[in-house]
PDB file of N, CA and C in Angstrom:
ATOM      1  N   UNK A   1      10.475   7.922  14.320  1.00  0.00           N
ATOM      2  CA  UNK A   1       9.406   8.076  13.718  1.00  0.00           C
ATOM      3  C   UNK A   1       9.279   9.235  12.764  1.00  0.00           C
ATOM      4  N   UNK A   2       9.061  10.495  12.767  1.00  0.00           N
ATOM      5  CA  UNK A   2       8.572  11.545  11.932  1.00  0.00           C
ATOM      6  C   UNK A   2       9.196  11.087  10.928  1.00  0.00           C
ATOM      7  N   UNK A   3      10.741  11.035  10.567  1.00  0.00           N
ATOM      8  CA  UNK A   3      11.612  11.276   9.748  1.00  0.00           C
ATOM      9  C   UNK A   3      10.598   9.560   8.721  1.00  0.00           C
ATOM     10  N   UNK A   4      10.975   8.396   9.205  1.00  0.00           N
ATOM     11  CA  UNK A   4      10.128   7.301   9.008  1.00  0.00           C
ATOM     12  C   UNK A   4       9.036   7.545   8.184  1.00  0.00           C
ATOM     13  N   UNK A   5       7.737   8.690   9.496  1.00  0.00           N
ATOM     14  CA  UNK A   5       6.318   8.615   8.534  1.00  0.00           C
ATOM     15  C   UNK A   5       6.287   9.488   7.044  1.00  0.00           C
ATOM     16  N   UNK A   6       7.339  10.576   7.084  1.00  0.00           N
ATOM     17  CA  UNK A   6       7.688  11.739   5.603  1.00  0.00           C
ATOM     18  C   UNK A   6       8.663  10.578   4.327  1.00  0.00           C
ATOM     19  N   UNK A   7       9.279   9.170   5.001  1.00  0.00           N
ATOM     20  CA  UNK A   7       9.997   8.804   3.517  1.00  0.00           C
ATOM     21  C   UNK A   7       9.108   7.812   3.380  1.00  0.00           C
ATOM     22  N   UNK A   8       8.092   7.038   3.963  1.00  0.00           N
ATOM     23  CA  UNK A   8       6.900   6.641   3.551  1.00  0.00           C
ATOM     24  C   UNK A   8       6.151   6.968   3.128  1.00  0.00           C
ATOM     25  N   UNK A   9       5.580   8.089   3.687  1.00  0.00           N
ATOM     26  CA  UNK A   9       4.213   9.001   2.559  1.00  0.00           C
ATOM     27  C   UNK A   9       5.253   9.308   1.341  1.00  0.00           C
ATOM     28  N   UNK A  10       6.164  10.018   1.373  1.00  0.00           N
ATOM     29  CA  UNK A  10       6.850   9.862   0.162  1.00  0.00           C
ATOM     30  C   UNK A  10       6.437   8.880  -0.883  1.00  0.00           C
ATOM     31  N   UNK A  11       7.483   7.819  -0.230  1.00  0.00           N
ATOM     32  CA  UNK A  11       7.605   6.645  -1.387  1.00  0.00           C
ATOM     33  C   UNK A  11       6.222   6.506  -1.783  1.00  0.00           C
ATOM     34  N   UNK A  12       4.911   5.817  -0.870  1.00  0.00           N
ATOM     35  CA  UNK A  12       3.691   5.828  -1.549  1.00  0.00           C
ATOM     36  C   UNK A  12       3.253   6.789  -2.391  1.00  0.00           C
ATOM     37  N   UNK A  13       3.385   8.474  -2.219  1.00  0.00           N
ATOM     38  CA  UNK A  13       3.177   9.139  -3.376  1.00  0.00           C
ATOM     39  C   UNK A  13       3.732   9.069  -4.823  1.00  0.00           C
ATOM     40  N   UNK A  14       5.118   8.944  -4.615  1.00  0.00           N
ATOM     41  CA  UNK A  14       6.251   8.925  -5.649  1.00  0.00           C
ATOM     42  C   UNK A  14       5.417   7.717  -6.582  1.00  0.00           C
ATOM     43  N   UNK A  15       5.360   6.432  -5.961  1.00  0.00           N
ATOM     44  CA  UNK A  15       4.967   5.076  -6.297  1.00  0.00           C
ATOM     45  C   UNK A  15       3.537   5.552  -7.134  1.00  0.00           C
ATOM     46  N   UNK A  16       2.540   6.033  -6.932  1.00  0.00           N
ATOM     47  CA  UNK A  16       1.469   6.071  -7.136  1.00  0.00           C
ATOM     48  C   UNK A  16       1.235   6.855  -8.241  1.00  0.00           C
ATOM     49  N   UNK A  17       2.048   8.165  -8.344  1.00  0.00           N
ATOM     50  CA  UNK A  17       2.685   8.340  -9.905  1.00  0.00           C
ATOM     51  C   UNK A  17       3.375   8.066 -11.281  1.00  0.00           C
ATOM     52  N   UNK A  18       3.968   7.233 -10.659  1.00  0.00           N
ATOM     53  CA  UNK A  18       5.026   6.535 -11.089  1.00  0.00           C
ATOM     54  C   UNK A  18       4.326   5.271 -11.855  1.00  0.00           C
ATOM     55  N   UNK A  19       3.302   4.275 -10.999  1.00  0.00           N
ATOM     56  CA  UNK A  19       2.752   3.290 -11.296  1.00  0.00           C
ATOM     57  C   UNK A  19       1.598   4.622 -12.405  1.00  0.00           C
ATOM     58  N   UNK A  20       0.958   5.222 -12.241  1.00  0.00           N
ATOM     59  CA  UNK A  20       0.295   5.922 -13.351  1.00  0.00           C
ATOM     60  C   UNK A  20       1.114   6.052 -14.698  1.00  0.00           C
ATOM     61  N   UNK A  21       1.795   6.783 -14.854  1.00  0.00           N
ATOM     62  CA  UNK A  21       2.696   7.316 -15.867  1.00  0.00           C
ATOM     63  C   UNK A  21       3.866   5.949 -16.507  1.00  0.00           C
ATOM     64  N   UNK A  22       4.513   5.272 -15.817  1.00  0.00           N
ATOM     65  CA  UNK A  22       5.164   3.973 -16.464  1.00  0.00           C
ATOM     66  C   UNK A  22       4.971   3.037 -15.467  1.00  0.00           C
ATOM     67  N   UNK A  23       3.872   2.242 -15.546  1.00  0.00           N
ATOM     68  CA  UNK A  23       3.091   0.872 -14.362  1.00  0.00           C
ATOM     69  C   UNK A  23       4.096   0.263 -14.805  1.00  0.00           C
ATOM     70  N   UNK A  24       5.182  -0.456 -15.800  1.00  0.00           N
ATOM     71  CA  UNK A  24       5.964  -1.368 -15.617  1.00  0.00           C
ATOM     72  C   UNK A  24       7.416  -0.806 -14.704  1.00  0.00           C
ATOM     73  N   UNK A  25       7.583   0.255 -13.928  1.00  0.00           N
ATOM     74  CA  UNK A  25       8.666   0.516 -13.595  1.00  0.00           C
ATOM     75  C   UNK A  25       8.310   0.756 -12.569  1.00  0.00           C
ATOM     76  N   UNK A  26       9.647  -0.367 -11.350  1.00  0.00           N
ATOM     77  CA  UNK A  26       9.509  -0.287  -9.984  1.00  0.00           C
ATOM     78  C   UNK A  26      10.148   0.714  -8.886  1.00  0.00           C
ATOM     79  N   UNK A  27       9.345   1.039  -8.001  1.00  0.00           N
ATOM     80  CA  UNK A  27      10.115   2.014  -7.065  1.00  0.00           C
ATOM     81  C   UNK A  27      10.870   1.470  -5.901  1.00  0.00           C
ATOM     82  N   UNK A  28      12.083   1.788  -5.606  1.00  0.00           N
ATOM     83  CA  UNK A  28      12.774   1.505  -4.420  1.00  0.00           C
ATOM     84  C   UNK A  28      12.759   2.805  -3.125  1.00  0.00           C
ATOM     85  N   UNK A  29      12.442   1.919  -1.863  1.00  0.00           N
ATOM     86  CA  UNK A  29      13.023   3.005  -1.394  1.00  0.00           C
ATOM     87  C   UNK A  29      14.418   2.683  -0.585  1.00  0.00           C
ATOM     88  N   UNK A  30      15.516   3.616  -1.078  1.00  0.00           N
ATOM     89  CA  UNK A  30      16.722   3.444  -0.178  1.00  0.00           C
ATOM     90  C   UNK A  30      16.738   3.758   1.218  1.00  0.00           C
ATOM     91  N   UNK A  31      17.265   2.978   2.146  1.00  0.00           N
ATOM     92  CA  UNK A  31      17.812   3.223   3.036  1.00  0.00           C
ATOM     93  C   UNK A  31      19.090   2.422   3.813  1.00  0.00           C
ATOM     94  N   UNK A  32      20.400   3.306   4.813  1.00  0.00           N
ATOM     95  CA  UNK A  32      20.867   3.287   5.364  1.00  0.00           C
ATOM     96  C   UNK A  32      20.651   1.312   5.668  1.00  0.00           C
ATOM     97  N   UNK A  33      21.722   0.673   5.846  1.00  0.00           N
ATOM     98  CA  UNK A  33      22.219  -0.197   6.631  1.00  0.00           C
ATOM     99  C   UNK A  33      21.510  -0.348   7.834  1.00  0.00           C
ATOM    100  N   UNK A  34      21.907   0.488   8.504  1.00  0.00           N
ATOM    101  CA  UNK A  34      21.621   0.821  10.355  1.00  0.00           C
ATOM    102  C   UNK A  34      20.217   1.591  10.485  1.00  0.00           C
ATOM    103  N   UNK A  35      19.397   2.171   9.490  1.00  0.00           N
ATOM    104  CA  UNK A  35      18.270   2.270   9.495  1.00  0.00           C
ATOM    105  C   UNK A  35      17.451   1.374   9.285  1.00  0.00           C
ATOM    106  N   UNK A  36      17.561   0.496   8.612  1.00  0.00           N
ATOM    107  CA  UNK A  36      17.341  -1.299   8.344  1.00  0.00           C
ATOM    108  C   UNK A  36      16.995  -1.836   9.415  1.00  0.00           C
ATOM    109  N   UNK A  37      18.446  -1.868  10.113  1.00  0.00           N
ATOM    110  CA  UNK A  37      18.354  -2.978  11.390  1.00  0.00           C
ATOM    111  C   UNK A  37      17.673  -2.344  12.409  1.00  0.00           C
ATOM    112  N   UNK A  38      17.450  -0.960  12.535  1.00  0.00           N
ATOM    113  CA  UNK A  38      16.913  -0.365  13.154  1.00  0.00           C
ATOM    114  C   UNK A  38      15.589  -0.532  13.178  1.00  0.00           C
ATOM    115  N   UNK A  39      15.043  -0.169  12.339  1.00  0.00           N
ATOM    116  CA  UNK A  39      13.536  -0.170  11.874  1.00  0.00           C
ATOM    117  C   UNK A  39      12.730  -1.341  11.229  1.00  0.00           C
ATOM    118  N   UNK A  40      13.417  -1.565   9.966  1.00  0.00           N
ATOM    119  CA  UNK A  40      12.620  -2.754   9.230  1.00  0.00           C
ATOM    120  C   UNK A  40      12.897  -3.851   9.804  1.00  0.00           C
ATOM    121  N   UNK A  41      13.544  -4.349  10.817  1.00  0.00           N
ATOM    122  CA  UNK A  41      13.777  -5.584  10.949  1.00  0.00           C
ATOM    123  C   UNK A  41      13.161  -5.977  12.441  1.00  0.00           C
ATOM    124  N   UNK A  42      12.408  -4.861  13.130  1.00  0.00           N
ATOM    125  CA  UNK A  42      11.484  -4.596  14.337  1.00  0.00           C
ATOM    126  C   UNK A  42       9.727  -4.680  13.595  1.00  0.00           C
ATOM    127  N   UNK A  43       8.935  -5.255  14.285  1.00  0.00           N
ATOM    128  CA  UNK A  43       8.154  -5.449  14.272  1.00  0.00           C
ATOM    129  C   UNK A  43       7.219  -4.419  13.706  1.00  0.00           C
ATOM    130  N   UNK A  44       7.319  -3.303  13.843  1.00  0.00           N
ATOM    131  CA  UNK A  44       6.285  -1.957  12.891  1.00  0.00           C
ATOM    132  C   UNK A  44       7.172  -1.978  11.448  1.00  0.00           C
ATOM    133  N   UNK A  45       8.406  -2.167  11.203  1.00  0.00           N
ATOM    134  CA  UNK A  45       9.144  -1.871   9.918  1.00  0.00           C
ATOM    135  C   UNK A  45       8.354  -3.292   9.208  1.00  0.00           C
ATOM    136  N   UNK A  46       8.503  -4.292  10.173  1.00  0.00           N
ATOM    137  CA  UNK A  46       8.064  -5.561   8.937  1.00  0.00           C
ATOM    138  C   UNK A  46       6.472  -5.707   8.444  1.00  0.00           C
ATOM    139  N   UNK A  47       5.848  -4.966   9.235  1.00  0.00           N
ATOM    140  CA  UNK A  47       4.285  -4.487   9.027  1.00  0.00           C
ATOM    141  C   UNK A  47       4.378  -3.456   7.952  1.00  0.00           C
ATOM    142  N   UNK A  48       5.324  -2.601   8.216  1.00  0.00           N
ATOM    143  CA  UNK A  48       4.812  -1.887   7.124  1.00  0.00           C
ATOM    144  C   UNK A  48       5.025  -1.939   5.801  1.00  0.00           C
ATOM    145  N   UNK A  49       6.579  -2.932   5.670  1.00  0.00           N
ATOM    146  CA  UNK A  49       6.808  -3.623   3.889  1.00  0.00           C
ATOM    147  C   UNK A  49       6.002  -4.427   3.671  1.00  0.00           C
ATOM    148  N   UNK A  50       5.094  -5.169   4.570  1.00  0.00           N
ATOM    149  CA  UNK A  50       4.148  -5.882   3.886  1.00  0.00           C
ATOM    150  C   UNK A  50       2.684  -5.373   3.784  1.00  0.00           C
ATOM    151  N   UNK A  51       2.634  -4.396   4.404  1.00  0.00           N
ATOM    152  CA  UNK A  51       0.627  -4.176   4.529  1.00  0.00           C
ATOM    153  C   UNK A  51       1.107  -2.961   2.867  1.00  0.00           C
ATOM    154  N   UNK A  52       2.439  -2.496   3.287  1.00  0.00           N
ATOM    155  CA  UNK A  52       2.505  -1.187   1.864  1.00  0.00           C
ATOM    156  C   UNK A  52       3.000  -1.823   0.817  1.00  0.00           C
ATOM    157  N   UNK A  53       3.579  -2.714   0.749  1.00  0.00           N
ATOM    158  CA  UNK A  53       4.052  -3.173  -0.005  1.00  0.00           C
ATOM    159  C   UNK A  53       5.365  -2.426  -0.205  1.00  0.00           C
ATOM    160  N   UNK A  54       6.345  -2.403   0.231  1.00  0.00           N
ATOM    161  CA  UNK A  54       7.065  -1.530   0.320  1.00  0.00           C
ATOM    162  C   UNK A  54       8.145  -2.381  -0.408  1.00  0.00           C
ATOM    163  N   UNK A  55       9.114  -1.799  -1.170  1.00  0.00           N
ATOM    164  CA  UNK A  55      10.928  -2.461  -1.685  1.00  0.00           C
ATOM    165  C   UNK A  55      11.724  -1.499  -1.425  1.00  0.00           C
ATOM    166  N   UNK A  56      12.570  -2.091  -0.679  1.00  0.00           N
ATOM    167  CA  UNK A  56      13.735  -1.659   0.154  1.00  0.00           C
ATOM    168  C   UNK A  56      15.083  -1.862  -1.163  1.00  0.00           C
ATOM    169  N   UNK A  57      15.832  -0.991  -0.678  1.00  0.00           N
ATOM    170  CA  UNK A  57      17.541  -0.610  -1.325  1.00  0.00           C
ATOM    171  C   UNK A  57      18.139  -0.349  -0.257  1.00  0.00           C
ATOM    172  N   UNK A  58      19.138  -1.881   0.164  1.00  0.00           N
ATOM    173  CA  UNK A  58      19.341  -1.348   1.607  1.00  0.00           C
ATOM    174  C   UNK A  58      21.177  -1.389   1.121  1.00  0.00           C
ATOM    175  N   UNK A  59      21.840   0.365   1.510  1.00  0.00           N
ATOM    176  CA  UNK A  59      22.944   0.070   1.763  1.00  0.00           C
ATOM    177  C   UNK A  59      23.742   0.647   2.379  1.00  0.00           C
ATOM    178  N   UNK A  60      25.201   0.774   2.530  1.00  0.00           N
ATOM    179  CA  UNK A  60      26.337   1.265   3.267  1.00  0.00           C
ATOM    180  C   UNK A  60      26.579   2.104   2.664  1.00  0.00           C
ATOM    181  N   UNK A  61      26.502   3.457   3.454  1.00  0.00           N
ATOM    182  CA  UNK A  61      26.974   5.267   2.781  1.00  0.00           C
ATOM    183  C   UNK A  61      28.662   4.888   3.304  1.00  0.00           C
ATOM    184  N   UNK A  62      29.406   4.091   3.863  1.00  0.00           N
ATOM    185  CA  UNK A  62      31.015   4.254   3.803  1.00  0.00           C
ATOM    186  C   UNK A  62      31.748   3.730   2.667  1.00  0.00           C
ATOM    187  N   UNK A  63      31.155   2.312   2.336  1.00  0.00           N
ATOM    188  CA  UNK A  63      31.428   1.348   1.554  1.00  0.00           C
ATOM    189  C   UNK A  63      30.909   2.115   0.051  1.00  0.00           C
ATOM    190  N   UNK A  64      29.703   2.781   0.051  1.00  0.00           N
ATOM    191  CA  UNK A  64      28.795   3.489  -1.038  1.00  0.00           C
ATOM    192  C   UNK A  64      28.254   1.444  -1.592  1.00  0.00           C
ATOM    193  N   UNK A  65      27.922   0.659  -1.029  1.00  0.00           N
ATOM    194  CA  UNK A  65      27.820  -0.688  -1.631  1.00  0.00           C
ATOM    195  C   UNK A  65      26.479  -0.433  -1.447  1.00  0.00           C
ATOM    196  N   UNK A  66      25.623  -1.271  -2.104  1.00  0.00           N
ATOM    197  CA  UNK A  66      24.195  -1.966  -1.893  1.00  0.00           C
ATOM    198  C   UNK A  66      24.133  -3.640  -1.393  1.00  0.00           C
ATOM    199  N   UNK A  67      23.709  -3.484  -0.273  1.00  0.00           N
ATOM    200  CA  UNK A  67      24.016  -4.392   0.889  1.00  0.00           C
ATOM    201  C   UNK A  67      22.512  -5.314   0.723  1.00  0.00           C
ATOM    202  N   UNK A  68      21.450  -5.237   0.080  1.00  0.00           N
ATOM    203  CA  UNK A  68      20.963  -6.120   0.058  1.00  0.00           C
ATOM    204  C   UNK A  68      19.421  -5.032  -1.278  1.00  0.00           C
ATOM    205  N   UNK A  69      18.550  -6.276  -1.650  1.00  0.00           N
ATOM    206  CA  UNK A  69      17.720  -5.533  -2.773  1.00  0.00           C
ATOM    207  C   UNK A  69      16.091  -6.500  -1.861  1.00  0.00           C
ATOM    208  N   UNK A  70      15.209  -5.446  -1.429  1.00  0.00           N
ATOM    209  CA  UNK A  70      14.036  -6.334  -0.912  1.00  0.00           C
ATOM    210  C   UNK A  70      13.011  -5.914  -2.132  1.00  0.00           C
ATOM    211  N   UNK A  71      12.497  -6.870  -2.627  1.00  0.00           N
ATOM    212  CA  UNK A  71      11.797  -6.558  -3.766  1.00  0.00           C
ATOM    213  C   UNK A  71      10.313  -7.095  -3.487  1.00  0.00           C
TER     214      UNK A  71
END
């Protein structure tokens, strides 16, 4: 949970700065597919995606491929 808190907090901070400097740019939080399954498919993760308007990029580190974009 501490890692999730740090990641979300950093994302929100960077998003605010980017919005001020380059409002047309969109920031995505990159997460491993295993993290997405373990956290963001659970109720708490879905709540965070919705309430914090998170944009996610889900990737597989072994294949180095993007699995899913969640705008």
